[in-house]
C-alpha atoms as a PDB file:
ATOM      1  CA  MET A   1      10.547  44.356 -13.306  1.00  0.00           C
ATOM      2  CA  SER A   2      10.558  42.100 -10.239  1.00  0.00           C
ATOM      3  CA  LYS A   3      13.719  40.536  -8.852  1.00  0.00           C
ATOM      4  CA  GLY A   4      12.693  37.039 -10.008  1.00  0.00           C
ATOM      5  CA  LYS A   5      12.112  38.125 -13.604  1.00  0.00           C
ATOM      6  CA  PHE A   6      15.358  40.100 -13.608  1.00  0.00           C
ATOM      7  CA  TRP A   7      17.470  37.144 -12.458  1.00  0.00           C
ATOM      8  CA  ARG A   8      15.659  34.755 -14.796  1.00  0.00           C
ATOM      9  CA  SER A   9      16.318  37.110 -17.733  1.00  0.00           C
ATOM     10  CA  ALA A  10      19.922  37.563 -16.625  1.00  0.00           C
ATOM     11  CA  GLY A  11      20.364  33.770 -16.426  1.00  0.00           C
ATOM     12  CA  ILE A  12      18.902  33.247 -19.886  1.00  0.00           C
ATOM     13  CA  GLY A  13      21.091  36.016 -21.277  1.00  0.00           C
ATOM     14  CA  ALA A  14      24.201  34.497 -19.701  1.00  0.00           C
ATOM     15  CA  THR A  15      23.314  31.080 -21.126  1.00  0.00           C
ATOM     16  CA  VAL A  16      22.841  32.492 -24.622  1.00  0.00           C
ATOM     17  CA  ALA A  17      26.138  34.391 -24.351  1.00  0.00           C
ATOM     18  CA  ALA A  18      27.989  31.269 -23.180  1.00  0.00           C
ATOM     19  CA  ALA A  19      26.499  29.198 -26.022  1.00  0.00           C
ATOM     20  CA  GLY A  20      27.488  31.896 -28.533  1.00  0.00           C
ATOM     21  CA  ALA A  21      31.043  32.013 -27.183  1.00  0.00           C
ATOM     22  CA  TYR A  22      31.222  28.202 -27.298  1.00  0.00           C
ATOM     23  CA  LEU A  23      29.917  27.906 -30.866  1.00  0.00           C
ATOM     24  CA  PHE A  24      31.690  30.932 -32.329  1.00  0.00           C
ATOM     25  CA  ASP A  25      35.077  30.411 -30.710  1.00  0.00           C
ATOM     26  CA  PRO A  26      37.750  31.347 -33.323  1.00  0.00           C
ATOM     27  CA  ASP A  27      39.779  28.168 -32.731  1.00  0.00           C
ATOM     28  CA  ARG A  28      37.165  25.415 -32.387  1.00  0.00           C
ATOM     29  CA  GLY A  29      33.836  27.026 -33.223  1.00  0.00           C
ATOM     30  CA  ARG A  30      33.603  25.606 -36.757  1.00  0.00           C
ATOM     31  CA  THR A  31      34.187  22.056 -35.498  1.00  0.00           C
ATOM     32  CA  ARG A  32      31.661  22.495 -32.702  1.00  0.00           C
ATOM     33  CA  ARG A  33      29.024  23.865 -35.080  1.00  0.00           C
ATOM     34  CA  ALA A  34      29.609  20.987 -37.524  1.00  0.00           C
ATOM     35  CA  LYS A  35      29.347  18.441 -34.701  1.00  0.00           C
ATOM     36  CA  LEU A  36      26.121  20.055 -33.450  1.00  0.00           C
ATOM     37  CA  ALA A  37      24.677  19.980 -36.977  1.00  0.00           C
ATOM     38  CA  ASP A  38      25.615  16.297 -37.395  1.00  0.00           C
ATOM     39  CA  GLN A  39      24.122  15.335 -34.012  1.00  0.00           C
ATOM     40  CA  SER A  40      20.942  17.273 -34.770  1.00  0.00           C
ATOM     41  CA  ALA A  41      20.587  15.569 -38.153  1.00  0.00           C
ATOM     42  CA  ALA A  42      21.173  12.143 -36.573  1.00  0.00           C
ATOM     43  CA  ALA A  43      18.529  12.830 -33.905  1.00  0.00           C
ATOM     44  CA  MET A  44      16.048  13.864 -36.598  1.00  0.00           C
ATOM     45  CA  ARG A  45      16.755  10.689 -38.619  1.00  0.00           C
ATOM     46  CA  THR A  46      16.298   8.526 -35.518  1.00  0.00           C
ATOM     47  CA  ALA A  47      13.011  10.236 -34.665  1.00  0.00           C
ATOM     48  CA  ARG A  48      11.818   9.849 -38.279  1.00  0.00           C
ATOM     49  CA  ASP A  49      12.732   6.147 -38.333  1.00  0.00           C
ATOM     50  CA  LYS A  50      10.883   5.499 -35.051  1.00  0.00           C
ATOM     51  CA  MET A  51       7.835   7.366 -36.324  1.00  0.00           C
ATOM     52  CA  MET A  52       7.860   5.410 -39.601  1.00  0.00           C
ATOM     53  CA  ALA A  53       8.193   2.086 -37.735  1.00  0.00           C
ATOM     54  CA  LYS A  54       5.196   2.952 -35.547  1.00  0.00           C
ATOM     55  CA  ALA A  55       3.227   3.984 -38.630  1.00  0.00           C
ATOM     56  CA  ARG A  56       4.044   0.671 -40.383  1.00  0.00           C
ATOM     57  CA  TYR A  57       2.989  -1.247 -37.265  1.00  0.00           C
ATOM     58  CA  GLN A  58      -0.323   0.602 -37.036  1.00  0.00           C
ATOM     59  CA  GLN A  59      -0.874   0.065 -40.759  1.00  0.00           C
ATOM     60  CA  GLY A  60      -0.439  -3.682 -40.206  1.00  0.00           C
ATOM     61  CA  VAL A  61      -2.847  -3.623 -37.276  1.00  0.00           C
ATOM     62  CA  ALA A  62      -5.411  -1.819 -39.427  1.00  0.00           C
ATOM     63  CA  ARG A  63      -4.969  -4.356 -42.238  1.00  0.00           C
ATOM     64  CA  GLY A  64      -5.475  -7.200 -39.764  1.00  0.00           C
ATOM     65  CA  VAL A  65      -8.672  -5.680 -38.418  1.00  0.00           C
ATOM     66  CA  ALA A  66      -9.955  -5.038 -41.938  1.00  0.00           C
ATOM     67  CA  HIS A  67      -9.141  -8.626 -42.920  1.00  0.00           C
ATOM     68  CA  LYS A  68     -11.008 -10.028 -39.916  1.00  0.00           C
ATOM     69  CA  LEU A  69     -14.034  -7.876 -40.698  1.00  0.00           C
ATOM     70  CA  THR A  70     -14.193  -8.640 -44.426  1.00  0.00           C
ATOM     71  CA  GLU A  71     -13.329 -12.349 -44.492  1.00  0.00           C
ATOM     72  CA  PRO A  72     -15.950 -14.907 -43.521  1.00  0.00           C
ATOM     73  CA  PHE A  73     -15.385 -16.748 -40.268  1.00  0.00           C
ATOM     74  CA  GLN A  74     -13.402 -19.932 -40.761  1.00  0.00           C
ATOM     75  CA  GLU A  75     -12.793 -22.729 -38.318  1.00  0.00           C
ATOM     76  CA  PRO A  76      -9.089 -23.020 -37.522  1.00  0.00           C
ATOM     77  CA  ALA A  77      -7.380 -25.677 -39.608  1.00  0.00           C
ATOM     78  CA  GLU A  78      -6.081 -28.784 -37.904  1.00  0.00           C
ATOM     79  CA  ILE A  79      -2.382 -28.380 -37.103  1.00  0.00           C
ATOM     80  CA  ASP A  80      -0.080 -31.330 -37.678  1.00  0.00           C
ATOM     81  CA  ASP A  81       2.187 -32.458 -34.832  1.00  0.00           C
ATOM     82  CA  GLU A  82       5.445 -31.161 -36.350  1.00  0.00           C
ATOM     83  CA  THR A  83       3.987 -27.693 -36.912  1.00  0.00           C
ATOM     84  CA  LEU A  84       2.552 -27.671 -33.390  1.00  0.00           C
ATOM     85  CA  LEU A  85       5.958 -28.663 -31.990  1.00  0.00           C
ATOM     86  CA  GLN A  86       7.581 -25.730 -33.823  1.00  0.00           C
ATOM     87  CA  LYS A  87       4.882 -23.360 -32.503  1.00  0.00           C
ATOM     88  CA  ILE A  88       5.498 -24.596 -28.946  1.00  0.00           C
ATOM     89  CA  ARG A  89       9.249 -24.103 -29.305  1.00  0.00           C
ATOM     90  CA  SER A  90       8.891 -20.575 -30.644  1.00  0.00           C
ATOM     91  CA  GLU A  91       5.904 -19.293 -28.624  1.00  0.00           C
ATOM     92  CA  ALA A  92       6.354 -21.072 -25.282  1.00  0.00           C
ATOM     93  CA  VAL A  93       9.927 -22.282 -24.879  1.00  0.00           C
ATOM     94  CA  GLY A  94      11.337 -19.127 -26.483  1.00  0.00           C
ATOM     95  CA  ARG A  95       9.696 -16.977 -23.767  1.00  0.00           C
ATOM     96  CA  TRP A  96      10.594 -19.367 -20.935  1.00  0.00           C
ATOM     97  CA  ASP A  97      13.470 -18.410 -18.606  1.00  0.00           C
ATOM     98  CA  GLY A  98      14.344 -21.943 -17.528  1.00  0.00           C
ATOM     99  CA  PRO A  99      17.075 -24.309 -18.775  1.00  0.00           C
ATOM    100  CA  LYS A 100      16.363 -25.289 -22.368  1.00  0.00           C
ATOM    101  CA  ARG A 101      19.228 -27.689 -22.991  1.00  0.00           C
ATOM    102  CA  ASP A 102      17.721 -30.876 -21.462  1.00  0.00           C
ATOM    103  CA  LEU A 103      14.124 -30.064 -22.340  1.00  0.00           C
ATOM    104  CA  GLU A 104      12.146 -32.714 -24.252  1.00  0.00           C
ATOM    105  CA  ILE A 105       8.789 -32.039 -25.895  1.00  0.00           C
ATOM    106  CA  ASP A 106       6.674 -34.770 -27.494  1.00  0.00           C
ATOM    107  CA  VAL A 107       3.520 -34.022 -29.508  1.00  0.00           C
ATOM    108  CA  ARG A 108       0.917 -36.597 -30.571  1.00  0.00           C
ATOM    109  CA  ASP A 109      -2.449 -35.511 -31.959  1.00  0.00           C
ATOM    110  CA  GLY A 110      -2.310 -32.197 -30.069  1.00  0.00           C
ATOM    111  CA  ASN A 111      -1.407 -33.876 -26.782  1.00  0.00           C
ATOM    112  CA  VAL A 112       1.917 -32.545 -25.479  1.00  0.00           C
ATOM    113  CA  THR A 113       4.310 -34.121 -22.994  1.00  0.00           C
ATOM    114  CA  VAL A 114       7.012 -31.898 -21.505  1.00  0.00           C
ATOM    115  CA  ARG A 115      10.042 -33.419 -19.740  1.00  0.00           C
ATOM    116  CA  GLY A 116      13.197 -31.936 -18.302  1.00  0.00           C
ATOM    117  CA  PRO A 117      14.752 -30.439 -15.188  1.00  0.00           C
ATOM    118  CA  ALA A 118      13.539 -27.136 -13.727  1.00  0.00           C
ATOM    119  CA  ASP A 119      12.753 -25.635 -10.354  1.00  0.00           C
ATOM    120  CA  ARG A 120       9.115 -25.645  -9.223  1.00  0.00           C
ATOM    121  CA  ASP A 121       8.263 -22.109 -10.417  1.00  0.00           C
ATOM    122  CA  GLN A 122       9.943 -22.554 -13.807  1.00  0.00           C
ATOM    123  CA  ALA A 123       8.176 -25.867 -14.424  1.00  0.00           C
ATOM    124  CA  GLY A 124       4.770 -24.360 -13.679  1.00  0.00           C
ATOM    125  CA  GLU A 125       5.513 -21.362 -15.888  1.00  0.00           C
ATOM    126  CA  LEU A 126       6.527 -23.598 -18.813  1.00  0.00           C
ATOM    127  CA  ILE A 127       3.375 -25.712 -18.517  1.00  0.00           C
ATOM    128  CA  ARG A 128       1.208 -22.540 -18.532  1.00  0.00           C
ATOM    129  CA  LEU A 129       3.054 -21.218 -21.600  1.00  0.00           C
ATOM    130  CA  VAL A 130       2.624 -24.512 -23.491  1.00  0.00           C
ATOM    131  CA  GLU A 131      -1.086 -24.631 -22.610  1.00  0.00           C
ATOM    132  CA  SER A 132      -1.542 -21.131 -24.079  1.00  0.00           C
ATOM    133  CA  VAL A 133      -0.334 -22.181 -27.560  1.00  0.00           C
ATOM    134  CA  ASP A 134      -3.192 -22.548 -30.084  1.00  0.00           C
ATOM    135  CA  GLY A 135      -3.658 -26.177 -31.109  1.00  0.00           C
ATOM    136  CA  VAL A 136      -2.528 -27.728 -27.816  1.00  0.00           C
ATOM    137  CA  ARG A 137      -5.243 -29.967 -26.390  1.00  0.00           C
ATOM    138  CA  VAL A 138      -3.694 -31.489 -23.263  1.00  0.00           C
ATOM    139  CA  VAL A 139      -0.313 -30.988 -21.575  1.00  0.00           C
ATOM    140  CA  SER A 140       1.254 -33.803 -19.547  1.00  0.00           C
ATOM    141  CA  ASP A 141       3.749 -32.552 -16.984  1.00  0.00           C
ATOM    142  CA  GLY A 142       6.828 -34.763 -16.867  1.00  0.00           C
ATOM    143  CA  MET A 143       9.131 -32.090 -15.463  1.00  0.00           C
ATOM    144  CA  ARG A 144      11.710 -33.118 -12.857  1.00  0.00           C
ATOM    145  CA  VAL A 145      11.608 -30.551 -10.071  1.00  0.00           C
ATOM    146  CA  THR A 146      15.125 -29.706  -8.915  1.00  0.00           C
ATOM    147  CA  GLN A 147      16.558 -27.386  -6.322  1.00  0.00           C
ATOM    148  CA  GLY A 148      17.980 -24.154  -7.806  1.00  0.00           C
ATOM    149  CA  ILE A 149      19.329 -25.019 -11.228  1.00  0.00           C
END
């Protein structure tokens, strides 16, 4: 046996002996073993829950693909202004990092006007986010560019 294998085996043996002494200590060994069992069970439940969540997500993706393949192509329905405003608030403004308190959004026939204070980068980001929402035709930029809100 080479020196490296000997010391590796000796290290593993010492680790196993220390773990045995820790877990089978006459005073606290039972508590330590119970705690280890509880933590192991909790880790297994967490791993199972994550795996099940990923499986449900993939199942939904598969259903969506199957739906797109089996349903005939339909033109998107016209979205009314109130629904479009709610979509803009949830999809664009919800992801925007700028100040939301003084923000005003007007929607008329798919044409959107955005007003409010923001610095130059934030204003440009908000306009790009609003333009990416399905149903938006034109975005008018009425943002007031400020210095470091």
